[in-house]
């Protein structure tokens, strides 16, 4: 019997805040089988955290001077909230390899 492979969401956050540098962050999540729209689930988890009024949420928004963004979300929203929305964060080290689609791979 073939095991069903997990569905993975890779959230790619592009930070072009500095004029001459672009930073890319990737956060990966295993999607629960009930998640139909991963982006909606992700945003709902963040919204739940922000509307919770908990000390961590208030502190995070204050620290961001009211400009709570994706970087803030990735560092402050607890894993448990993402999990409630069917998104289990994958933690660990990853390696990114960038290649040119049109690169010739044969002689």
PDB file of N, CA and C in Angstrom:
ATOM      1  N   UNK A   1       0.836  -1.173   0.000  1.00  0.00           N
ATOM      2  CA  UNK A   1       0.000   0.000   0.000  1.00  0.00           C
ATOM      3  C   UNK A   1       0.889   1.248   0.000  1.00  0.00           C
ATOM      4  N   UNK A   2       0.577   2.157  -0.871  1.00  0.00           N
ATOM      5  CA  UNK A   2       1.361   3.386  -0.981  1.00  0.00           C
ATOM      6  C   UNK A   2       0.892   4.395   0.061  1.00  0.00           C
ATOM      7  N   UNK A   3       1.857   4.911   0.828  1.00  0.00           N
ATOM      8  CA  UNK A   3       1.526   5.937   1.821  1.00  0.00           C
ATOM      9  C   UNK A   3       1.330   7.272   1.144  1.00  0.00           C
ATOM     10  N   UNK A   4       0.322   7.977   1.592  1.00  0.00           N
ATOM     11  CA  UNK A   4       0.075   9.321   1.064  1.00  0.00           C
ATOM     12  C   UNK A   4       1.140  10.267   1.618  1.00  0.00           C
ATOM     13  N   UNK A   5       1.739  11.023   0.746  1.00  0.00           N
ATOM     14  CA  UNK A   5       2.771  11.984   1.139  1.00  0.00           C
ATOM     15  C   UNK A   5       2.125  13.210   1.781  1.00  0.00           C
ATOM     16  N   UNK A   6       2.795  13.791   2.765  1.00  0.00           N
ATOM     17  CA  UNK A   6       2.225  14.998   3.377  1.00  0.00           C
ATOM     18  C   UNK A   6       2.245  16.166   2.396  1.00  0.00           C
ATOM     19  N   UNK A   7       1.293  17.051   2.568  1.00  0.00           N
ATOM     20  CA  UNK A   7       1.291  18.288   1.790  1.00  0.00           C
ATOM     21  C   UNK A   7       2.108  19.311   2.568  1.00  0.00           C
ATOM     22  N   UNK A   8       2.963  20.018   1.878  1.00  0.00           N
ATOM     23  CA  UNK A   8       3.845  21.005   2.496  1.00  0.00           C
ATOM     24  C   UNK A   8       3.517  22.388   1.941  1.00  0.00           C
ATOM     25  N   UNK A   9       3.407  23.345   2.835  1.00  0.00           N
ATOM     26  CA  UNK A   9       3.260  24.747   2.449  1.00  0.00           C
ATOM     27  C   UNK A   9       4.602  25.419   2.696  1.00  0.00           C
ATOM     28  N   UNK A  10       5.147  26.062   1.678  1.00  0.00           N
ATOM     29  CA  UNK A  10       6.344  26.884   1.841  1.00  0.00           C
ATOM     30  C   UNK A  10       5.921  28.341   1.711  1.00  0.00           C
ATOM     31  N   UNK A  11       5.994  29.049   2.811  1.00  0.00           N
ATOM     32  CA  UNK A  11       5.691  30.477   2.818  1.00  0.00           C
ATOM     33  C   UNK A  11       6.991  31.200   2.496  1.00  0.00           C
ATOM     34  N   UNK A  12       7.024  31.888   1.376  1.00  0.00           N
ATOM     35  CA  UNK A  12       8.225  32.605   0.938  1.00  0.00           C
ATOM     36  C   UNK A  12       7.986  34.086   1.191  1.00  0.00           C
ATOM     37  N   UNK A  13       8.789  34.646   2.092  1.00  0.00           N
ATOM     38  CA  UNK A  13       8.653  36.048   2.471  1.00  0.00           C
ATOM     39  C   UNK A  13       9.838  36.813   1.886  1.00  0.00           C
ATOM     40  N   UNK A  14       9.543  37.780   1.038  1.00  0.00           N
ATOM     41  CA  UNK A  14      10.587  38.579   0.401  1.00  0.00           C
ATOM     42  C   UNK A  14      10.657  39.925   1.094  1.00  0.00           C
ATOM     43  N   UNK A  15      11.811  40.223   1.648  1.00  0.00           N
ATOM     44  CA  UNK A  15      12.027  41.483   2.358  1.00  0.00           C
ATOM     45  C   UNK A  15      12.954  42.349   1.514  1.00  0.00           C
ATOM     46  N   UNK A  16      12.376  43.357   0.902  1.00  0.00           N
ATOM     47  CA  UNK A  16      13.178  44.265   0.083  1.00  0.00           C
ATOM     48  C   UNK A  16      13.240  45.634   0.740  1.00  0.00           C
ATOM     49  N   UNK A  17      13.306  45.649   2.055  1.00  0.00           N
ATOM     50  CA  UNK A  17      13.319  46.889   2.820  1.00  0.00           C
ATOM     51  C   UNK A  17      14.532  47.759   2.572  1.00  0.00           C
ATOM     52  N   UNK A  18      15.652  47.139   2.325  1.00  0.00           N
ATOM     53  CA  UNK A  18      16.869  47.901   2.039  1.00  0.00           C
ATOM     54  C   UNK A  18      16.982  48.078   0.524  1.00  0.00           C
ATOM     55  N   UNK A  19      17.332  49.268   0.078  1.00  0.00           N
ATOM     56  CA  UNK A  19      17.365  49.531  -1.368  1.00  0.00           C
ATOM     57  C   UNK A  19      18.262  48.586  -2.168  1.00  0.00           C
ATOM     58  N   UNK A  20      19.383  48.160  -1.612  1.00  0.00           N
ATOM     59  CA  UNK A  20      20.328  47.356  -2.397  1.00  0.00           C
ATOM     60  C   UNK A  20      20.390  45.894  -1.970  1.00  0.00           C
ATOM     61  N   UNK A  21      19.496  45.457  -1.098  1.00  0.00           N
ATOM     62  CA  UNK A  21      19.545  44.051  -0.712  1.00  0.00           C
ATOM     63  C   UNK A  21      18.136  43.489  -0.584  1.00  0.00           C
ATOM     64  N   UNK A  22      18.019  42.258  -0.964  1.00  0.00           N
ATOM     65  CA  UNK A  22      16.748  41.554  -0.843  1.00  0.00           C
ATOM     66  C   UNK A  22      17.014  40.308  -0.017  1.00  0.00           C
ATOM     67  N   UNK A  23      16.205  40.117   1.014  1.00  0.00           N
ATOM     68  CA  UNK A  23      16.341  38.935   1.853  1.00  0.00           C
ATOM     69  C   UNK A  23      15.095  38.078   1.654  1.00  0.00           C
ATOM     70  N   UNK A  24      15.316  36.787   1.521  1.00  0.00           N
ATOM     71  CA  UNK A  24      14.213  35.855   1.345  1.00  0.00           C
ATOM     72  C   UNK A  24      14.206  34.896   2.524  1.00  0.00           C
ATOM     73  N   UNK A  25      13.048  34.749   3.151  1.00  0.00           N
ATOM     74  CA  UNK A  25      12.875  33.795   4.251  1.00  0.00           C
ATOM     75  C   UNK A  25      11.824  32.786   3.824  1.00  0.00           C
ATOM     76  N   UNK A  26      12.042  31.542   4.191  1.00  0.00           N
ATOM     77  CA  UNK A  26      11.073  30.497   3.874  1.00  0.00           C
ATOM     78  C   UNK A  26      10.674  29.817   5.176  1.00  0.00           C
ATOM     79  N   UNK A  27       9.368  29.732   5.407  1.00  0.00           N
ATOM     80  CA  UNK A  27       8.842  28.999   6.553  1.00  0.00           C
ATOM     81  C   UNK A  27       7.975  27.879   5.982  1.00  0.00           C
ATOM     82  N   UNK A  28       8.202  26.668   6.459  1.00  0.00           N
ATOM     83  CA  UNK A  28       7.482  25.513   5.922  1.00  0.00           C
ATOM     84  C   UNK A  28       6.529  24.930   6.960  1.00  0.00           C
ATOM     85  N   UNK A  29       5.407  24.440   6.475  1.00  0.00           N
ATOM     86  CA  UNK A  29       4.371  23.872   7.328  1.00  0.00           C
ATOM     87  C   UNK A  29       3.844  22.593   6.680  1.00  0.00           C
ATOM     88  N   UNK A  30       3.524  21.604   7.503  1.00  0.00           N
ATOM     89  CA  UNK A  30       2.789  20.439   7.031  1.00  0.00           C
ATOM     90  C   UNK A  30       1.313  20.807   7.111  1.00  0.00           C
ATOM     91  N   UNK A  31       0.604  20.604   6.009  1.00  0.00           N
ATOM     92  CA  UNK A  31      -0.813  20.953   5.958  1.00  0.00           C
ATOM     93  C   UNK A  31      -1.670  19.772   6.383  1.00  0.00           C
ATOM     94  N   UNK A  32      -2.572  20.018   7.309  1.00  0.00           N
ATOM     95  CA  UNK A  32      -3.535  18.991   7.698  1.00  0.00           C
ATOM     96  C   UNK A  32      -4.447  18.731   6.504  1.00  0.00           C
ATOM     97  N   UNK A  33      -4.947  17.521   6.380  1.00  0.00           N
ATOM     98  CA  UNK A  33      -5.765  17.145   5.223  1.00  0.00           C
ATOM     99  C   UNK A  33      -7.024  17.984   5.064  1.00  0.00           C
ATOM    100  N   UNK A  34      -7.466  18.633   6.137  1.00  0.00           N
ATOM    101  CA  UNK A  34      -8.686  19.447   6.052  1.00  0.00           C
ATOM    102  C   UNK A  34      -8.435  20.852   5.504  1.00  0.00           C
ATOM    103  N   UNK A  35      -7.194  21.255   5.397  1.00  0.00           N
ATOM    104  CA  UNK A  35      -6.886  22.615   4.930  1.00  0.00           C
ATOM    105  C   UNK A  35      -7.048  22.680   3.410  1.00  0.00           C
ATOM    106  N   UNK A  36      -8.029  23.452   2.981  1.00  0.00           N
ATOM    107  CA  UNK A  36      -8.289  23.620   1.553  1.00  0.00           C
ATOM    108  C   UNK A  36      -7.570  24.840   0.980  1.00  0.00           C
ATOM    109  N   UNK A  37      -7.483  25.901   1.777  1.00  0.00           N
ATOM    110  CA  UNK A  37      -6.863  27.149   1.324  1.00  0.00           C
ATOM    111  C   UNK A  37      -5.782  27.533   2.338  1.00  0.00           C
ATOM    112  N   UNK A  38      -4.536  27.132   2.074  1.00  0.00           N
ATOM    113  CA  UNK A  38      -3.459  27.373   3.044  1.00  0.00           C
ATOM    114  C   UNK A  38      -3.248  28.852   3.390  1.00  0.00           C
ATOM    115  N   UNK A  39      -3.382  29.727   2.413  1.00  0.00           N
ATOM    116  CA  UNK A  39      -3.158  31.150   2.706  1.00  0.00           C
ATOM    117  C   UNK A  39      -4.218  31.681   3.664  1.00  0.00           C
ATOM    118  N   UNK A  40      -5.460  31.283   3.462  1.00  0.00           N
ATOM    119  CA  UNK A  40      -6.535  31.703   4.360  1.00  0.00           C
ATOM    120  C   UNK A  40      -6.279  31.177   5.764  1.00  0.00           C
ATOM    121  N   UNK A  41      -5.851  29.930   5.880  1.00  0.00           N
ATOM    122  CA  UNK A  41      -5.555  29.339   7.197  1.00  0.00           C
ATOM    123  C   UNK A  41      -4.404  30.080   7.876  1.00  0.00           C
ATOM    124  N   UNK A  42      -3.385  30.401   7.114  1.00  0.00           N
ATOM    125  CA  UNK A  42      -2.227  31.120   7.649  1.00  0.00           C
ATOM    126  C   UNK A  42      -2.627  32.495   8.171  1.00  0.00           C
ATOM    127  N   UNK A  43      -3.380  33.224   7.370  1.00  0.00           N
ATOM    128  CA  UNK A  43      -3.819  34.558   7.771  1.00  0.00           C
ATOM    129  C   UNK A  43      -4.782  34.502   8.965  1.00  0.00           C
ATOM    130  N   UNK A  44      -5.616  33.475   9.007  1.00  0.00           N
ATOM    131  CA  UNK A  44      -6.550  33.324  10.129  1.00  0.00           C
ATOM    132  C   UNK A  44      -5.792  33.068  11.429  1.00  0.00           C
ATOM    133  N   UNK A  45      -4.736  32.285  11.370  1.00  0.00           N
ATOM    134  CA  UNK A  45      -3.929  32.017  12.561  1.00  0.00           C
ATOM    135  C   UNK A  45      -3.294  33.306  13.080  1.00  0.00           C
ATOM    136  N   UNK A  46      -2.765  34.096  12.182  1.00  0.00           N
ATOM    137  CA  UNK A  46      -2.134  35.364  12.573  1.00  0.00           C
ATOM    138  C   UNK A  46      -3.172  36.321  13.133  1.00  0.00           C
ATOM    139  N   UNK A  47      -4.316  36.399  12.476  1.00  0.00           N
ATOM    140  CA  UNK A  47      -5.404  37.270  12.945  1.00  0.00           C
ATOM    141  C   UNK A  47      -5.856  36.849  14.345  1.00  0.00           C
ATOM    142  N   UNK A  48      -5.974  35.532  14.571  1.00  0.00           N
ATOM    143  CA  UNK A  48      -6.372  35.033  15.892  1.00  0.00           C
ATOM    144  C   UNK A  48      -5.373  35.480  16.958  1.00  0.00           C
ATOM    145  N   UNK A  49      -4.097  35.363  16.653  1.00  0.00           N
ATOM    146  CA  UNK A  49      -3.059  35.795  17.599  1.00  0.00           C
ATOM    147  C   UNK A  49      -3.185  37.286  17.894  1.00  0.00           C
ATOM    148  N   UNK A  50      -3.313  38.093  16.853  1.00  0.00           N
ATOM    149  CA  UNK A  50      -3.366  39.538  17.039  1.00  0.00           C
ATOM    150  C   UNK A  50      -4.615  39.977  17.799  1.00  0.00           C
ATOM    151  N   UNK A  51      -5.735  39.306  17.561  1.00  0.00           N
ATOM    152  CA  UNK A  51      -6.986  39.678  18.232  1.00  0.00           C
ATOM    153  C   UNK A  51      -7.115  39.078  19.620  1.00  0.00           C
ATOM    154  N   UNK A  52      -6.190  38.202  19.995  1.00  0.00           N
ATOM    155  CA  UNK A  52      -6.286  37.518  21.287  1.00  0.00           C
ATOM    156  C   UNK A  52      -6.131  38.470  22.466  1.00  0.00           C
ATOM    157  N   UNK A  53      -5.403  39.560  22.254  1.00  0.00           N
ATOM    158  CA  UNK A  53      -5.169  40.501  23.342  1.00  0.00           C
ATOM    159  C   UNK A  53      -4.187  39.998  24.384  1.00  0.00           C
ATOM    160  N   UNK A  54      -3.566  38.837  24.109  1.00  0.00           N
ATOM    161  CA  UNK A  54      -2.593  38.306  25.075  1.00  0.00           C
ATOM    162  C   UNK A  54      -1.374  39.222  25.141  1.00  0.00           C
ATOM    163  N   UNK A  55      -0.635  39.095  26.214  1.00  0.00           N
ATOM    164  CA  UNK A  55       0.529  39.948  26.434  1.00  0.00           C
ATOM    165  C   UNK A  55       1.533  39.857  25.291  1.00  0.00           C
ATOM    166  N   UNK A  56       1.733  38.649  24.760  1.00  0.00           N
ATOM    167  CA  UNK A  56       2.696  38.463  23.668  1.00  0.00           C
ATOM    168  C   UNK A  56       2.261  39.203  22.407  1.00  0.00           C
ATOM    169  N   UNK A  57       0.967  39.165  22.112  1.00  0.00           N
ATOM    170  CA  UNK A  57       0.457  39.852  20.925  1.00  0.00           C
ATOM    171  C   UNK A  57       0.575  41.369  21.078  1.00  0.00           C
ATOM    172  N   UNK A  58       0.186  41.871  22.227  1.00  0.00           N
ATOM    173  CA  UNK A  58       0.270  43.314  22.482  1.00  0.00           C
ATOM    174  C   UNK A  58       1.717  43.769  22.390  1.00  0.00           C
ATOM    175  N   UNK A  59       2.620  43.013  22.999  1.00  0.00           N
ATOM    176  CA  UNK A  59       4.054  43.346  22.963  1.00  0.00           C
ATOM    177  C   UNK A  59       4.596  43.337  21.545  1.00  0.00           C
ATOM    178  N   UNK A  60       4.200  42.332  20.769  1.00  0.00           N
ATOM    179  CA  UNK A  60       4.694  42.217  19.398  1.00  0.00           C
ATOM    180  C   UNK A  60       4.252  43.397  18.543  1.00  0.00           C
ATOM    181  N   UNK A  61       3.004  43.810  18.695  1.00  0.00           N
ATOM    182  CA  UNK A  61       2.502  44.950  17.923  1.00  0.00           C
ATOM    183  C   UNK A  61       3.183  46.238  18.377  1.00  0.00           C
ATOM    184  N   UNK A  62       3.374  46.389  19.675  1.00  0.00           N
ATOM    185  CA  UNK A  62       4.078  47.570  20.192  1.00  0.00           C
ATOM    186  C   UNK A  62       5.515  47.603  19.684  1.00  0.00           C
ATOM    187  N   UNK A  63       6.183  46.457  19.721  1.00  0.00           N
ATOM    188  CA  UNK A  63       7.578  46.373  19.257  1.00  0.00           C
ATOM    189  C   UNK A  63       7.676  46.763  17.780  1.00  0.00           C
ATOM    190  N   UNK A  64       6.644  46.397  17.009  1.00  0.00           N
ATOM    191  CA  UNK A  64       6.633  46.706  15.578  1.00  0.00           C
ATOM    192  C   UNK A  64       6.057  48.101  15.291  1.00  0.00           C
ATOM    193  N   UNK A  65       5.838  48.873  16.350  1.00  0.00           N
ATOM    194  CA  UNK A  65       5.266  50.220  16.197  1.00  0.00           C
ATOM    195  C   UNK A  65       3.970  50.205  15.396  1.00  0.00           C
ATOM    196  N   UNK A  66       3.179  49.155  15.583  1.00  0.00           N
ATOM    197  CA  UNK A  66       1.904  49.061  14.885  1.00  0.00           C
ATOM    198  C   UNK A  66       2.002  48.525  13.469  1.00  0.00           C
ATOM    199  N   UNK A  67       3.208  48.259  12.997  1.00  0.00           N
ATOM    200  CA  UNK A  67       3.411  47.765  11.634  1.00  0.00           C
ATOM    201  C   UNK A  67       3.779  46.281  11.671  1.00  0.00           C
ATOM    202  N   UNK A  68       2.926  45.479  12.269  1.00  0.00           N
ATOM    203  CA  UNK A  68       3.157  44.045  12.409  1.00  0.00           C
ATOM    204  C   UNK A  68       3.155  43.418  11.020  1.00  0.00           C
ATOM    205  N   UNK A  69       4.273  42.797  10.649  1.00  0.00           N
ATOM    206  CA  UNK A  69       4.377  42.247   9.295  1.00  0.00           C
ATOM    207  C   UNK A  69       4.697  40.751   9.340  1.00  0.00           C
ATOM    208  N   UNK A  70       4.995  40.183   8.176  1.00  0.00           N
ATOM    209  CA  UNK A  70       5.264  38.743   8.096  1.00  0.00           C
ATOM    210  C   UNK A  70       6.460  38.330   8.946  1.00  0.00           C
ATOM    211  N   UNK A  71       7.494  39.137   8.973  1.00  0.00           N
ATOM    212  CA  UNK A  71       8.655  38.815   9.807  1.00  0.00           C
ATOM    213  C   UNK A  71       8.266  38.740  11.275  1.00  0.00           C
ATOM    214  N   UNK A  72       7.431  39.676  11.705  1.00  0.00           N
ATOM    215  CA  UNK A  72       6.952  39.670  13.088  1.00  0.00           C
ATOM    216  C   UNK A  72       6.096  38.427  13.348  1.00  0.00           C
ATOM    217  N   UNK A  73       5.246  38.093  12.390  1.00  0.00           N
ATOM    218  CA  UNK A  73       4.373  36.928  12.554  1.00  0.00           C
ATOM    219  C   UNK A  73       5.186  35.647  12.698  1.00  0.00           C
ATOM    220  N   UNK A  74       6.206  35.513  11.869  1.00  0.00           N
ATOM    221  CA  UNK A  74       7.010  34.289  11.901  1.00  0.00           C
ATOM    222  C   UNK A  74       7.793  34.127  13.199  1.00  0.00           C
ATOM    223  N   UNK A  75       8.058  35.227  13.859  1.00  0.00           N
ATOM    224  CA  UNK A  75       8.848  35.134  15.092  1.00  0.00           C
ATOM    225  C   UNK A  75       8.012  35.197  16.366  1.00  0.00           C
ATOM    226  N   UNK A  76       6.732  35.579  16.273  1.00  0.00           N
ATOM    227  CA  UNK A  76       5.962  35.749  17.507  1.00  0.00           C
ATOM    228  C   UNK A  76       4.703  34.902  17.629  1.00  0.00           C
ATOM    229  N   UNK A  77       4.091  34.522  16.518  1.00  0.00           N
ATOM    230  CA  UNK A  77       2.865  33.727  16.613  1.00  0.00           C
ATOM    231  C   UNK A  77       3.251  32.322  17.092  1.00  0.00           C
ATOM    232  N   UNK A  78       2.658  31.868  18.176  1.00  0.00           N
ATOM    233  CA  UNK A  78       3.011  30.542  18.705  1.00  0.00           C
ATOM    234  C   UNK A  78       2.628  29.413  17.742  1.00  0.00           C
ATOM    235  N   UNK A  79       3.457  28.383  17.710  1.00  0.00           N
ATOM    236  CA  UNK A  79       3.178  27.216  16.870  1.00  0.00           C
ATOM    237  C   UNK A  79       1.790  26.659  17.141  1.00  0.00           C
ATOM    238  N   UNK A  80       1.369  26.693  18.404  1.00  0.00           N
ATOM    239  CA  UNK A  80       0.074  26.102  18.770  1.00  0.00           C
ATOM    240  C   UNK A  80      -1.084  26.750  18.008  1.00  0.00           C
ATOM    241  N   UNK A  81      -0.978  28.030  17.698  1.00  0.00           N
ATOM    242  CA  UNK A  81      -2.051  28.702  16.953  1.00  0.00           C
ATOM    243  C   UNK A  81      -2.043  28.258  15.497  1.00  0.00           C
ATOM    244  N   UNK A  82      -0.858  28.147  14.910  1.00  0.00           N
ATOM    245  CA  UNK A  82      -0.790  27.641  13.536  1.00  0.00           C
ATOM    246  C   UNK A  82      -1.364  26.220  13.474  1.00  0.00           C
ATOM    247  N   UNK A  83      -1.018  25.402  14.458  1.00  0.00           N
ATOM    248  CA  UNK A  83      -1.493  24.014  14.494  1.00  0.00           C
ATOM    249  C   UNK A  83      -3.016  23.966  14.577  1.00  0.00           C
ATOM    250  N   UNK A  84      -3.617  24.865  15.364  1.00  0.00           N
ATOM    251  CA  UNK A  84      -5.086  24.939  15.452  1.00  0.00           C
ATOM    252  C   UNK A  84      -5.716  25.159  14.080  1.00  0.00           C
ATOM    253  N   UNK A  85      -4.982  25.808  13.195  1.00  0.00           N
ATOM    254  CA  UNK A  85      -5.492  26.131  11.861  1.00  0.00           C
ATOM    255  C   UNK A  85      -5.011  25.129  10.809  1.00  0.00           C
ATOM    256  N   UNK A  86      -4.480  23.998  11.272  1.00  0.00           N
ATOM    257  CA  UNK A  86      -4.087  22.936  10.350  1.00  0.00           C
ATOM    258  C   UNK A  86      -2.727  23.105   9.718  1.00  0.00           C
ATOM    259  N   UNK A  87      -1.886  23.936  10.332  1.00  0.00           N
ATOM    260  CA  UNK A  87      -0.546  24.212   9.804  1.00  0.00           C
ATOM    261  C   UNK A  87       0.494  23.855  10.862  1.00  0.00           C
ATOM    262  N   UNK A  88       1.177  22.752  10.682  1.00  0.00           N
ATOM    263  CA  UNK A  88       2.197  22.351  11.651  1.00  0.00           C
ATOM    264  C   UNK A  88       3.557  22.852  11.166  1.00  0.00           C
ATOM    265  N   UNK A  89       4.160  23.802  11.899  1.00  0.00           N
ATOM    266  CA  UNK A  89       5.448  24.341  11.479  1.00  0.00           C
ATOM    267  C   UNK A  89       6.531  23.265  11.448  1.00  0.00           C
ATOM    268  N   UNK A  90       7.358  23.331  10.426  1.00  0.00           N
ATOM    269  CA  UNK A  90       8.526  22.465  10.320  1.00  0.00           C
ATOM    270  C   UNK A  90       9.737  23.284  10.744  1.00  0.00           C
ATOM    271  N   UNK A  91      10.373  22.860  11.809  1.00  0.00           N
ATOM    272  CA  UNK A  91      11.549  23.581  12.281  1.00  0.00           C
ATOM    273  C   UNK A  91      12.789  22.784  11.935  1.00  0.00           C
ATOM    274  N   UNK A  92      13.819  23.470  11.653  1.00  0.00           N
ATOM    275  CA  UNK A  92      15.075  22.810  11.340  1.00  0.00           C
ATOM    276  C   UNK A  92      15.845  23.627  10.335  1.00  0.00           C
ATOM    277  N   UNK A  93      16.993  23.137  10.038  1.00  0.00           N
ATOM    278  CA  UNK A  93      17.859  23.825   9.099  1.00  0.00           C
ATOM    279  C   UNK A  93      17.489  23.405   7.686  1.00  0.00           C
ATOM    280  N   UNK A  94      17.488  24.339   6.780  1.00  0.00           N
ATOM    281  CA  UNK A  94      17.213  24.001   5.384  1.00  0.00           C
ATOM    282  C   UNK A  94      18.298  24.615   4.512  1.00  0.00           C
ATOM    283  N   UNK A  95      18.408  24.083   3.338  1.00  0.00           N
ATOM    284  CA  UNK A  95      19.379  24.575   2.373  1.00  0.00           C
ATOM    285  C   UNK A  95      18.633  24.940   1.105  1.00  0.00           C
ATOM    286  N   UNK A  96      18.866  26.130   0.613  1.00  0.00           N
ATOM    287  CA  UNK A  96      18.245  26.565  -0.634  1.00  0.00           C
ATOM    288  C   UNK A  96      19.294  26.520  -1.736  1.00  0.00           C
ATOM    289  N   UNK A  97      18.895  26.009  -2.865  1.00  0.00           N
ATOM    290  CA  UNK A  97      19.757  25.993  -4.042  1.00  0.00           C
ATOM    291  C   UNK A  97      19.011  26.716  -5.148  1.00  0.00           C
ATOM    292  N   UNK A  98      19.623  27.728  -5.699  1.00  0.00           N
ATOM    293  CA  UNK A  98      19.006  28.495  -6.781  1.00  0.00           C
ATOM    294  C   UNK A  98      19.685  28.098  -8.086  1.00  0.00           C
ATOM    295  N   UNK A  99      18.894  27.731  -9.061  1.00  0.00           N
ATOM    296  CA  UNK A  99      19.437  27.352 -10.362  1.00  0.00           C
ATOM    297  C   UNK A  99      18.698  28.124 -11.453  1.00  0.00           C
ATOM    298  N   UNK A 100      19.334  28.219 -12.596  1.00  0.00           N
ATOM    299  CA  UNK A 100      18.742  28.853 -13.755  1.00  0.00           C
ATOM    300  C   UNK A 100      17.953  27.798 -14.518  1.00  0.00           C
ATOM    301  N   UNK A 101      16.673  28.030 -14.705  1.00  0.00           N
ATOM    302  CA  UNK A 101      15.793  27.092 -15.395  1.00  0.00           C
ATOM    303  C   UNK A 101      16.377  26.652 -16.725  1.00  0.00           C
ATOM    304  N   UNK A 102      16.992  27.563 -17.464  1.00  0.00           N
ATOM    305  CA  UNK A 102      17.471  27.271 -18.829  1.00  0.00           C
ATOM    306  C   UNK A 102      18.898  26.741 -18.867  1.00  0.00           C
ATOM    307  N   UNK A 103      19.491  26.498 -17.725  1.00  0.00           N
ATOM    308  CA  UNK A 103      20.852  25.939 -17.695  1.00  0.00           C
ATOM    309  C   UNK A 103      20.879  24.591 -18.418  1.00  0.00           C
ATOM    310  N   UNK A 104      21.845  24.403 -19.288  1.00  0.00           N
ATOM    311  CA  UNK A 104      21.992  23.131 -20.006  1.00  0.00           C
ATOM    312  C   UNK A 104      22.651  22.128 -19.071  1.00  0.00           C
ATOM    313  N   UNK A 105      22.032  20.975 -18.913  1.00  0.00           N
ATOM    314  CA  UNK A 105      22.527  19.953 -17.989  1.00  0.00           C
ATOM    315  C   UNK A 105      23.143  18.750 -18.706  1.00  0.00           C
ATOM    316  N   UNK A 106      23.229  18.800 -20.010  1.00  0.00           N
ATOM    317  CA  UNK A 106      23.887  17.716 -20.745  1.00  0.00           C
ATOM    318  C   UNK A 106      24.921  18.324 -21.688  1.00  0.00           C
ATOM    319  N   UNK A 107      25.870  17.503 -22.077  1.00  0.00           N
ATOM    320  CA  UNK A 107      26.942  17.986 -22.990  1.00  0.00           C
ATOM    321  C   UNK A 107      26.412  18.242 -24.380  1.00  0.00           C
TER     322      UNK A 107
END
